[in-house]
């Protein structure tokens, strides 16, 4: 299995917005994005690397994440 890219919340947010998601609301340190009927919850801890499970979910939503260079 190929290595997952290391992303921080700001980079993931940029990718979600580019994929057509829009920021709906924030609850605590989690930002909720929506595209049509899809929902994506992004834990937003400034400067910290996202957990691999979050990155896998982001790749399922937008496969371009796997190949995109930051």
C-alpha atoms as a PDB file:
ATOM      1  CA  UNK A   1       0.000   0.000   0.000  1.00  0.00           C
ATOM      2  CA  UNK A   2       1.459   3.391  -0.951  1.00  0.00           C
ATOM      3  CA  UNK A   3       2.249   5.897   1.752  1.00  0.00           C
ATOM      4  CA  UNK A   4      -0.398   8.481   2.479  1.00  0.00           C
ATOM      5  CA  UNK A   5       0.531  12.149   2.149  1.00  0.00           C
ATOM      6  CA  UNK A   6       0.943  14.055   5.395  1.00  0.00           C
ATOM      7  CA  UNK A   7      -1.555  16.900   5.492  1.00  0.00           C
ATOM      8  CA  UNK A   8      -2.469  19.608   7.941  1.00  0.00           C
ATOM      9  CA  UNK A   9      -6.021  20.914   8.302  1.00  0.00           C
ATOM     10  CA  UNK A  10      -5.439  24.056   6.209  1.00  0.00           C
ATOM     11  CA  UNK A  11      -4.268  21.975   3.223  1.00  0.00           C
ATOM     12  CA  UNK A  12      -7.176  19.552   3.556  1.00  0.00           C
ATOM     13  CA  UNK A  13      -9.616  22.469   3.755  1.00  0.00           C
ATOM     14  CA  UNK A  14      -8.175  23.946   0.550  1.00  0.00           C
ATOM     15  CA  UNK A  15      -8.611  20.586  -1.213  1.00  0.00           C
ATOM     16  CA  UNK A  16     -12.205  20.189  -0.027  1.00  0.00           C
ATOM     17  CA  UNK A  17     -13.111  23.666  -1.251  1.00  0.00           C
ATOM     18  CA  UNK A  18     -11.435  22.964  -4.600  1.00  0.00           C
ATOM     19  CA  UNK A  19     -13.461  19.714  -4.863  1.00  0.00           C
ATOM     20  CA  UNK A  20     -16.719  21.661  -4.613  1.00  0.00           C
ATOM     21  CA  UNK A  21     -17.473  21.381  -0.902  1.00  0.00           C
ATOM     22  CA  UNK A  22     -18.689  24.411   1.003  1.00  0.00           C
ATOM     23  CA  UNK A  23     -18.193  25.206   4.670  1.00  0.00           C
ATOM     24  CA  UNK A  24     -21.551  24.813   6.422  1.00  0.00           C
ATOM     25  CA  UNK A  25     -20.752  25.288  10.095  1.00  0.00           C
ATOM     26  CA  UNK A  26     -18.188  24.883  12.843  1.00  0.00           C
ATOM     27  CA  UNK A  27     -18.680  23.067  16.124  1.00  0.00           C
ATOM     28  CA  UNK A  28     -15.758  23.348  18.495  1.00  0.00           C
ATOM     29  CA  UNK A  29     -12.623  22.450  16.574  1.00  0.00           C
ATOM     30  CA  UNK A  30     -14.467  20.570  13.810  1.00  0.00           C
ATOM     31  CA  UNK A  31     -15.518  22.162  10.532  1.00  0.00           C
ATOM     32  CA  UNK A  32     -18.389  20.593   8.593  1.00  0.00           C
ATOM     33  CA  UNK A  33     -18.382  20.743   4.783  1.00  0.00           C
ATOM     34  CA  UNK A  34     -21.158  19.720   2.423  1.00  0.00           C
ATOM     35  CA  UNK A  35     -21.404  18.939  -1.305  1.00  0.00           C
ATOM     36  CA  UNK A  36     -24.857  17.908  -2.492  1.00  0.00           C
ATOM     37  CA  UNK A  37     -25.763  15.179   0.035  1.00  0.00           C
ATOM     38  CA  UNK A  38     -22.178  14.337   1.025  1.00  0.00           C
ATOM     39  CA  UNK A  39     -20.859  15.566   4.363  1.00  0.00           C
ATOM     40  CA  UNK A  40     -17.250  15.743   5.502  1.00  0.00           C
ATOM     41  CA  UNK A  41     -16.175  16.601   9.050  1.00  0.00           C
ATOM     42  CA  UNK A  42     -12.650  17.979   9.293  1.00  0.00           C
ATOM     43  CA  UNK A  43     -10.945  18.232  12.698  1.00  0.00           C
ATOM     44  CA  UNK A  44      -9.257  21.623  12.589  1.00  0.00           C
ATOM     45  CA  UNK A  45      -6.279  21.740  14.957  1.00  0.00           C
ATOM     46  CA  UNK A  46      -3.989  24.405  13.550  1.00  0.00           C
ATOM     47  CA  UNK A  47      -0.571  23.127  12.526  1.00  0.00           C
ATOM     48  CA  UNK A  48      -1.149  19.476  13.507  1.00  0.00           C
ATOM     49  CA  UNK A  49      -0.922  16.618  11.018  1.00  0.00           C
ATOM     50  CA  UNK A  50      -4.222  14.887  10.288  1.00  0.00           C
ATOM     51  CA  UNK A  51      -4.766  11.272  11.318  1.00  0.00           C
ATOM     52  CA  UNK A  52      -4.319   8.739   8.465  1.00  0.00           C
ATOM     53  CA  UNK A  53      -8.011   7.725   8.708  1.00  0.00           C
ATOM     54  CA  UNK A  54      -9.039  11.314   7.942  1.00  0.00           C
ATOM     55  CA  UNK A  55      -6.650  11.414   4.973  1.00  0.00           C
ATOM     56  CA  UNK A  56      -8.072   8.103   3.653  1.00  0.00           C
ATOM     57  CA  UNK A  57     -11.596   9.530   3.896  1.00  0.00           C
ATOM     58  CA  UNK A  58     -10.424  12.652   2.061  1.00  0.00           C
ATOM     59  CA  UNK A  59      -8.946  10.478  -0.720  1.00  0.00           C
ATOM     60  CA  UNK A  60     -12.264   8.616  -1.064  1.00  0.00           C
ATOM     61  CA  UNK A  61     -14.066  11.935  -1.474  1.00  0.00           C
ATOM     62  CA  UNK A  62     -11.474  13.418  -3.851  1.00  0.00           C
ATOM     63  CA  UNK A  63      -8.939  10.961  -5.384  1.00  0.00           C
ATOM     64  CA  UNK A  64      -6.776  13.839  -6.679  1.00  0.00           C
ATOM     65  CA  UNK A  65      -5.479  14.295  -3.100  1.00  0.00           C
ATOM     66  CA  UNK A  66      -3.288  11.208  -3.487  1.00  0.00           C
ATOM     67  CA  UNK A  67      -1.287  12.727  -6.346  1.00  0.00           C
ATOM     68  CA  UNK A  68      -1.515  16.456  -5.652  1.00  0.00           C
ATOM     69  CA  UNK A  69       1.717  18.143  -4.636  1.00  0.00           C
ATOM     70  CA  UNK A  70       1.461  20.765  -1.932  1.00  0.00           C
END
